[in-house]
Amino acid sequence: MTTPTAARPTATTTRLDCLVDEVRQAVGRGLPPDLTAHLVGEALGPHLGAADLLTEEQRAGDPDHYRQHILHAERDGSFSVVALVWLPGQRTSIHDHVSWCVTGVHEGRESERRYRLVPSAAGAPPRLVATEDVVNEQGDVCGFAPPGDIHRVWNACGDKAISLHIYGADIARLGTSVRRVYDLPADR
């Protein structure tokens, strides 16, 4: 899955620096992934929607694909903070992730369909079954940890949407949070 990625920004904001410090404290506790994601979500929530969180450059979209802005990658690789900017109609492929993740909608609204992988039976190929459709509004936070994190996300509203994603991996080094893209029969 290709995602246009903006180079690591030279500018930051005081609020973003504060968020990074709060995430660093949560990740530094060394708890299991699901508990870490919960604590990171608690840190992220109060910053969503704040006008002073992102610079104008970090709010820029791309007309062809949703755009990934790497806001911070911790030196030890333990976490990254990314802004995804979605113009109307832009979507991901169906995918899962390399690590735990917490997402929060900063602006607009995102739609998400979650899936479960059903193994093959009697020679039939495996397939994906939709388990839940979710609309994440501005301020909503959710988190997950693999396995069981297969989904597709899109901007179904008429305006730009921006979400912050905090991953338990070095996205600056990896280039993406996607572990695998699923090209299987799936509930649409």
Protein backbone atom coordinates (compact mmCIF):
# COMPACT_ATOMS: atom_id res chain seq x y z
CA MET A 1 0.00 0.00 0.00
CA THR A 2 1.57 3.28 -1.03
CA THR A 3 0.90 6.34 1.03
CA PRO A 4 2.41 9.72 0.19
CA THR A 5 4.58 10.60 3.16
CA ALA A 6 5.73 14.08 3.98
CA ALA A 7 9.34 14.38 5.10
CA ARG A 8 9.89 14.66 8.81
CA PRO A 9 8.82 18.22 9.67
CA THR A 10 11.32 20.78 10.87
CA ALA A 11 8.60 22.61 12.78
CA THR A 12 6.67 21.41 15.78
CA THR A 13 4.18 22.98 18.16
CA THR A 14 4.25 23.30 21.92
CA ARG A 15 1.09 21.19 22.15
CA LEU A 16 2.60 18.44 19.96
CA ASP A 17 5.73 18.44 22.13
CA CYS A 18 3.50 18.04 25.21
CA LEU A 19 1.64 15.12 23.59
CA VAL A 20 4.93 13.42 22.70
CA ASP A 21 6.11 13.78 26.32
CA GLU A 22 2.86 12.26 27.60
CA VAL A 23 3.10 9.35 25.15
CA ARG A 24 6.75 8.81 26.11
CA GLN A 25 5.72 8.47 29.76
CA ALA A 26 2.96 5.98 28.92
CA VAL A 27 5.15 3.85 26.63
CA GLY A 28 8.02 4.01 29.12
CA ARG A 29 5.99 2.10 31.70
CA GLY A 30 6.72 -1.09 29.74
CA LEU A 31 3.18 -2.49 29.99
CA PRO A 32 1.60 -5.02 27.58
CA PRO A 33 0.48 -3.60 24.21
CA ASP A 34 -3.24 -3.38 25.04
CA LEU A 35 -2.60 -1.48 28.28
CA THR A 36 -0.05 0.77 26.60
CA ALA A 37 -2.59 1.59 23.87
CA HIS A 38 -5.17 2.45 26.54
CA LEU A 39 -2.80 4.86 28.31
CA VAL A 40 -1.68 6.43 25.03
CA GLY A 41 -5.35 6.94 24.09
CA GLU A 42 -5.95 8.75 27.37
CA ALA A 43 -3.01 11.03 26.57
CA LEU A 44 -4.16 11.70 23.00
CA GLY A 45 -7.80 12.54 23.66
CA PRO A 46 -7.42 15.99 25.28
CA HIS A 47 -5.29 17.27 22.37
CA LEU A 48 -7.74 16.39 19.58
CA GLY A 49 -9.43 19.36 17.97
CA ALA A 50 -6.97 21.88 19.42
CA ALA A 51 -6.10 24.56 16.86
CA ASP A 52 -2.48 24.69 18.06
CA LEU A 53 -1.69 20.97 17.66
CA LEU A 54 -0.58 20.93 13.98
CA THR A 55 1.11 23.40 11.69
CA GLU A 56 -0.50 24.32 8.36
CA GLU A 57 2.07 22.16 6.57
CA GLN A 58 1.04 19.15 8.71
CA ARG A 59 -2.61 19.70 7.76
CA ALA A 60 -1.95 19.53 4.00
CA GLY A 61 -3.59 16.78 1.97
CA ASP A 62 -2.79 15.21 -1.40
CA PRO A 63 -5.37 15.11 -4.20
CA ASP A 64 -4.48 11.52 -5.18
CA HIS A 65 -4.16 9.64 -1.84
CA TYR A 66 -4.56 10.23 1.84
CA ARG A 67 -1.32 11.76 3.10
CA GLN A 68 0.86 10.69 6.00
CA HIS A 69 2.81 13.33 7.94
CA ILE A 70 5.32 11.85 10.36
CA LEU A 71 5.19 14.21 13.33
CA HIS A 72 7.55 12.36 15.66
CA ALA A 73 9.54 9.13 15.75
CA GLU A 74 11.09 8.27 19.09
CA ARG A 75 14.84 7.75 18.83
CA ASP A 76 14.68 4.27 20.34
CA GLY A 77 11.95 3.21 17.86
CA SER A 78 9.37 2.63 20.60
CA PHE A 79 6.66 4.85 19.09
CA SER A 80 5.76 7.27 16.33
CA VAL A 81 3.14 9.99 15.99
CA VAL A 82 1.63 10.44 12.54
CA ALA A 83 -1.07 12.72 11.12
CA LEU A 84 -3.14 11.29 8.28
CA VAL A 85 -4.93 13.82 6.11
CA TRP A 86 -7.89 12.51 4.13
CA LEU A 87 -9.66 14.42 1.38
CA PRO A 88 -13.27 13.40 0.63
CA GLY A 89 -13.54 9.85 -0.70
CA GLN A 90 -9.96 8.79 0.05
CA ARG A 91 -9.52 5.35 1.60
CA THR A 92 -7.06 2.68 2.59
CA SER A 93 -6.94 -0.85 1.30
CA ILE A 94 -7.96 -3.59 3.73
CA HIS A 95 -4.93 -4.07 5.98
CA ASP A 96 -3.53 -4.90 9.39
CA HIS A 97 -0.62 -3.41 11.34
CA VAL A 98 2.92 -4.04 12.53
CA SER A 99 2.22 -2.92 16.11
CA TRP A 100 -0.33 -1.57 18.55
CA CYS A 101 -1.96 1.65 17.43
CA VAL A 102 -4.09 4.42 18.87
CA THR A 103 -6.05 6.70 16.56
CA GLY A 104 -7.96 9.87 17.25
CA VAL A 105 -9.97 12.07 14.93
CA HIS A 106 -8.60 15.60 15.08
CA GLU A 107 -10.88 17.12 12.44
CA GLY A 108 -13.84 15.84 10.45
CA ARG A 109 -15.10 12.27 10.51
CA GLU A 110 -13.69 8.89 9.45
CA SER A 111 -15.54 5.71 8.58
CA GLU A 112 -14.09 2.31 9.34
CA ARG A 113 -15.04 -1.27 8.54
CA ARG A 114 -13.46 -3.96 10.70
CA TYR A 115 -12.96 -7.53 9.49
CA ARG A 116 -12.29 -11.04 10.73
CA LEU A 117 -10.27 -13.49 8.64
CA VAL A 118 -12.17 -16.74 8.09
CA PRO A 119 -9.86 -19.66 7.26
CA SER A 120 -10.43 -21.72 4.16
CA ALA A 121 -12.74 -24.69 4.32
CA ALA A 122 -12.79 -27.63 1.94
CA GLY A 123 -10.43 -26.04 -0.55
CA ALA A 124 -12.15 -22.66 -0.64
CA PRO A 125 -9.89 -19.62 -0.25
CA PRO A 126 -9.91 -17.74 3.05
CA ARG A 127 -12.17 -14.69 3.15
CA LEU A 128 -12.82 -11.59 5.20
CA VAL A 129 -16.08 -11.11 7.05
CA ALA A 130 -17.11 -7.63 8.14
CA THR A 131 -17.63 -7.55 11.89
CA GLU A 132 -18.38 -3.89 12.55
CA ASP A 133 -18.89 -0.56 10.83
CA VAL A 134 -17.82 2.47 12.87
CA VAL A 135 -18.02 6.21 12.29
CA ASN A 136 -15.33 8.01 14.26
CA GLU A 137 -16.25 11.64 14.95
CA GLN A 138 -13.95 14.51 15.90
CA GLY A 139 -12.54 13.73 19.35
CA ASP A 140 -13.14 9.96 19.18
CA VAL A 141 -10.19 7.76 20.19
CA CYS A 142 -9.76 4.04 19.60
CA GLY A 143 -6.90 1.62 19.96
CA PHE A 144 -5.97 -1.91 19.04
CA ALA A 145 -3.17 -4.40 19.08
CA PRO A 146 -2.51 -7.23 16.62
CA PRO A 147 -3.77 -9.81 15.94
CA GLY A 148 -7.37 -9.02 15.07
CA ASP A 149 -6.74 -5.52 13.72
CA ILE A 150 -7.87 -5.94 10.11
CA HIS A 151 -9.76 -2.92 8.78
CA ARG A 152 -10.33 -0.33 6.07
CA VAL A 153 -10.63 3.40 6.80
CA TRP A 154 -12.04 6.16 4.59
CA ASN A 155 -13.28 9.71 4.58
CA ALA A 156 -17.00 9.54 3.79
CA CYS A 157 -17.72 13.18 4.60
CA GLY A 158 -17.60 16.15 2.23
CA ASP A 159 -14.70 17.91 3.98
CA LYS A 160 -11.10 17.16 4.85
CA ALA A 161 -10.55 14.81 7.78
CA ILE A 162 -7.40 14.62 9.88
CA SER A 163 -6.56 11.87 12.32
CA LEU A 164 -3.59 11.30 14.60
CA HIS A 165 -2.15 7.80 14.80
CA ILE A 166 0.32 6.73 17.44
CA TYR A 167 2.07 3.45 16.67
CA GLY A 168 4.33 1.26 18.78
CA ALA A 169 6.92 1.24 15.98
CA ASP A 170 9.30 3.54 14.15
CA ILE A 171 7.20 4.62 11.16
CA ALA A 172 9.94 6.98 9.94
CA ARG A 173 12.17 3.94 9.44
CA LEU A 174 9.47 1.52 8.24
CA GLY A 175 7.65 4.04 6.03
CA THR A 176 4.26 2.55 6.89
CA SER A 177 2.33 0.96 9.75
CA VAL A 178 0.84 -1.65 7.43
CA ARG A 179 1.95 -5.22 7.98
CA ARG A 180 -0.17 -6.87 5.30
CA VAL A 181 -2.69 -5.79 2.65
CA TYR A 182 -5.55 -8.25 2.12
CA ASP A 183 -6.61 -9.02 -1.42
CA LEU A 184 -9.22 -11.64 -0.52
CA PRO A 185 -12.95 -11.90 -1.02
CA ALA A 186 -14.41 -9.53 1.55
CA ASP A 187 -17.74 -8.14 2.65
CA ARG A 188 -17.89 -4.67 1.15
